[in-house]
Amino acid sequence: MPDRWKKFHIHLPKNHGWRTSKRGNSVFVADRGAVQFEFPRPWIIEPTDWGSIMLRDHPHPNENVRIEVSLIQLYNADGVPIRKTGAPVDWGIPLIHMYLKMVQNDPRDIIERGKLNEANSPEFEAVWQQIAYMDTEVCREIHSRTCFARANGVVAILTLDFWTEYSSTAYRVWREMMGTLKVGDYISDPTLSSRMN
């Protein structure tokens, strides 16, 4: 585990206010609410060496479905996340343009690119796309869905990768993740509230 990551358990009081997840799921929360969503309870959560978090259905390298989570956050002049201050945010670029700019130099051997989808809600704006590419190490096709979801000075980048034969599982995980997604919240006391209602 990279040195900058620490794992610890928080015991919640009876009146903690956290939403109960769907049976068989757990709630993933990163950086005090910058991103939150449900994922299958048995999955393994590990930080990567490049600063993201990986959620896998099986230990690496035997995973069949995985989610990678990264964050882009805006900070004020004092180094405080904008989402903590509640200040209005002007990104200066439409989210779809941000997405296209970041994926235009994708080095993977892409064999299929799906249409761009918008999945906006009252709480955040989102754009996502599915691609298929070849894993050249094992000569096997991988499907990948990447979502950029933006609110309150945060862009959550969520990527779901899966082997073709695990599509039905992956689509169910995607629906539950997107259906419970929250972006850009700030939770001052994680023992008391998740605001995932």
Foldseek 3Di string as FASTA:
>chain_A
DDPVDDDDDDDADPQQAEDDADPQWDWDAPDQRQKIFIFGVVWDWDADPVGWIKTFPDPPPPGFKMKIKDKDFDADPVRHTQLVVVDDDDPVDDPVVVVCVVCVPPPFAWDAKADWDWDDDPQWTKIKIKTWGAPVVVRFIKIKMWMWIDHRGMTMIMMMIGGPVCVVVSVVRVCRGSVQMHHSHHHPDNSHHNPSD
